Amino acid sequence: MKMKSSVLQTLVIVSSLFILAACQSAPGEGDDGENARVELSYNPTILRPFPDDPGMTIRHSGPIDVEWYDEELEKAHRAFVAGGERSEDKPAILLEAERHLRRALSQPIRFGVSGNRLWIEPRGAEVNYRDVVQAFAATGLFRTVQVSHLRYQ
């Protein structure tokens, strides 16, 4: 009986140490270097869809027009696309926004600019644009999100 309790105590201590080690921040996290966390500004207003005809289908397989809430994000988006869309050159603030969007969508995305229009394109075989626009609107990162006739503002 004593053997079982000492084994259990050892297991509890070892698992506690693993939990504590996992909770500690990784090296470089919180530094002013490349791995520093970026603060994003979120829209405090919940975006609402304009009245939509539920019978109308979205025949769309391309980018979704967006208007960022955070001006720094908008500038980073424009600068990144103007620089030739090299993923290794993506600014930290855009990487952080991309993490939020990919988490909301569970699929890869691509940033683009056409004239004065900023857009984000979900990449994948099966893209339900109605769900994607709703997910974008719920992130708090945008002022407006629009695909085809469906617009959240």
Protein backbone atom coordinates (compact mmCIF):
# COMPACT_ATOMS: atom_id res chain seq x y z
CA MET A 1 0.00 0.00 0.00
CA LYS A 2 2.87 2.38 0.81
CA MET A 3 4.39 1.63 -2.59
CA LYS A 4 1.21 2.72 -4.41
CA SER A 5 0.92 5.98 -2.47
CA SER A 6 4.58 6.89 -3.09
CA VAL A 7 4.15 6.17 -6.81
CA LEU A 8 1.03 8.34 -6.86
CA GLN A 9 2.81 11.14 -5.02
CA THR A 10 5.68 10.98 -7.49
CA LEU A 11 3.27 11.11 -10.43
CA VAL A 12 1.46 14.11 -8.93
CA ILE A 13 4.73 15.96 -8.35
CA VAL A 14 6.04 15.21 -11.85
CA SER A 15 2.76 16.23 -13.52
CA SER A 16 2.71 19.45 -11.45
CA LEU A 17 6.22 20.28 -12.61
CA PHE A 18 5.20 19.72 -16.25
CA ILE A 19 2.19 21.99 -15.81
CA LEU A 20 4.32 24.72 -14.23
CA ALA A 21 6.89 24.44 -17.03
CA ALA A 22 4.15 24.71 -19.65
CA CYS A 23 2.70 27.83 -18.00
CA GLN A 24 5.97 29.74 -18.08
CA SER A 25 6.49 32.07 -21.00
CA ALA A 26 8.71 30.95 -23.83
CA PRO A 27 12.11 32.59 -24.26
CA GLY A 28 11.82 35.89 -26.09
CA GLU A 29 8.11 36.20 -25.37
CA GLY A 30 7.28 39.66 -24.12
CA ASP A 31 10.62 41.06 -25.33
CA ASP A 32 10.83 44.05 -27.62
CA GLY A 33 12.25 41.76 -30.32
CA GLU A 34 10.54 39.99 -33.19
CA ASN A 35 8.57 37.66 -30.91
CA ALA A 36 6.90 40.49 -28.98
CA ARG A 37 3.11 40.36 -28.82
CA VAL A 38 1.32 43.00 -30.83
CA GLU A 39 -1.69 44.82 -29.43
CA LEU A 40 -4.62 45.08 -31.82
CA SER A 41 -7.47 47.57 -31.58
CA TYR A 42 -10.89 45.93 -31.68
CA ASN A 43 -14.14 47.46 -32.80
CA PRO A 44 -16.36 47.79 -29.70
CA THR A 45 -19.45 47.86 -31.95
CA ILE A 46 -20.86 44.52 -33.05
CA LEU A 47 -21.15 44.53 -36.83
CA ARG A 48 -24.66 43.85 -38.06
CA PRO A 49 -25.67 42.64 -41.49
CA PHE A 50 -27.72 44.84 -43.75
CA PRO A 51 -31.13 43.27 -44.39
CA ASP A 52 -30.40 40.26 -46.54
CA ASP A 53 -32.62 38.18 -48.77
CA PRO A 54 -32.05 34.65 -47.42
CA GLY A 55 -33.25 33.18 -50.73
CA MET A 56 -30.48 34.97 -52.63
CA THR A 57 -27.41 32.84 -53.13
CA ILE A 58 -23.86 34.13 -53.08
CA ARG A 59 -22.09 33.05 -56.22
CA HIS A 60 -18.66 34.18 -55.30
CA SER A 61 -15.25 32.59 -55.24
CA GLY A 62 -12.80 35.34 -54.58
CA PRO A 63 -11.83 38.03 -52.13
CA ILE A 64 -13.94 39.59 -49.40
CA ASP A 65 -13.85 43.39 -49.14
CA VAL A 66 -12.81 44.63 -45.70
CA GLU A 67 -12.33 47.91 -43.90
CA TRP A 68 -9.99 47.45 -40.92
CA TYR A 69 -10.94 49.02 -37.60
CA ASP A 70 -7.29 49.56 -36.64
CA GLU A 71 -5.55 52.14 -38.85
CA GLU A 72 -2.14 50.56 -38.21
CA LEU A 73 -3.49 47.27 -39.55
CA GLU A 74 -4.82 49.01 -42.64
CA LYS A 75 -1.43 50.63 -43.28
CA ALA A 76 0.37 47.31 -42.71
CA HIS A 77 -2.02 45.53 -45.11
CA ARG A 78 -1.39 48.11 -47.86
CA ALA A 79 2.39 48.14 -47.30
CA PHE A 80 2.61 44.34 -47.26
CA VAL A 81 0.72 43.93 -50.53
CA ALA A 82 2.64 46.81 -52.16
CA GLY A 83 5.86 45.03 -51.19
CA GLY A 84 5.02 42.01 -53.33
CA GLU A 85 3.22 39.74 -50.81
CA ARG A 86 6.26 37.88 -49.46
CA SER A 87 5.10 35.99 -46.38
CA GLU A 88 8.50 36.28 -44.69
CA ASP A 89 8.17 40.09 -44.81
CA LYS A 90 4.73 40.19 -43.18
CA PRO A 91 4.62 42.84 -40.40
CA ALA A 92 4.01 41.61 -36.84
CA ILE A 93 0.67 43.41 -36.56
CA LEU A 94 -0.58 41.71 -39.75
CA LEU A 95 0.66 38.34 -38.52
CA GLU A 96 -1.32 38.80 -35.31
CA ALA A 97 -4.47 39.76 -37.23
CA GLU A 98 -3.96 36.77 -39.52
CA ARG A 99 -3.80 34.49 -36.48
CA HIS A 100 -7.17 35.81 -35.31
CA LEU A 101 -8.75 35.42 -38.74
CA ARG A 102 -7.36 31.94 -39.34
CA ARG A 103 -8.64 30.91 -35.92
CA ALA A 104 -12.11 32.25 -36.79
CA LEU A 105 -12.10 30.51 -40.19
CA SER A 106 -9.93 27.44 -39.69
CA GLN A 107 -8.47 27.92 -43.16
CA PRO A 108 -5.65 29.87 -44.82
CA ILE A 109 -6.16 33.40 -46.11
CA ARG A 110 -4.48 35.78 -48.54
CA PHE A 111 -4.32 39.59 -48.35
CA GLY A 112 -4.70 41.84 -51.37
CA VAL A 113 -5.41 45.36 -52.60
CA SER A 114 -7.21 46.44 -55.78
CA GLY A 115 -7.12 50.19 -56.20
CA ASN A 116 -8.55 51.63 -52.99
CA ARG A 117 -10.20 48.32 -52.05
CA LEU A 118 -8.62 46.10 -49.37
CA TRP A 119 -9.57 42.45 -49.50
CA ILE A 120 -8.89 39.13 -47.85
CA GLU A 121 -9.39 35.90 -49.72
CA PRO A 122 -10.09 32.63 -47.94
CA ARG A 123 -8.19 29.77 -49.53
CA GLY A 124 -9.63 26.29 -49.73
CA ALA A 125 -11.78 23.95 -51.76
CA GLU A 126 -15.02 24.43 -49.84
CA VAL A 127 -15.59 28.06 -48.86
CA ASN A 128 -19.02 29.09 -47.57
CA TYR A 129 -18.80 32.84 -48.05
CA ARG A 130 -21.87 33.54 -45.92
CA ASP A 131 -20.13 31.84 -42.96
CA VAL A 132 -16.78 33.51 -43.70
CA VAL A 133 -18.29 37.01 -43.76
CA GLN A 134 -20.11 36.29 -40.50
CA ALA A 135 -16.87 35.01 -38.92
CA PHE A 136 -14.94 38.09 -40.09
CA ALA A 137 -17.64 40.39 -38.72
CA ALA A 138 -17.47 38.65 -35.33
CA THR A 139 -13.69 39.12 -34.90
CA GLY A 140 -13.96 42.83 -34.01
CA LEU A 141 -11.12 43.67 -36.42
CA PHE A 142 -13.23 45.46 -39.04
CA ARG A 143 -15.55 48.41 -39.64
CA THR A 144 -17.20 46.71 -42.60
CA VAL A 145 -17.01 43.30 -44.26
CA GLN A 146 -18.67 42.64 -47.61
CA VAL A 147 -18.98 39.85 -50.14
CA SER A 148 -21.31 40.18 -53.10
CA HIS A 149 -24.55 41.74 -51.78
CA LEU A 150 -23.99 40.65 -48.16
CA ARG A 151 -22.53 43.48 -46.07
CA TYR A 152 -21.78 43.69 -42.33
CA GLN A 153 -21.35 47.21 -40.98
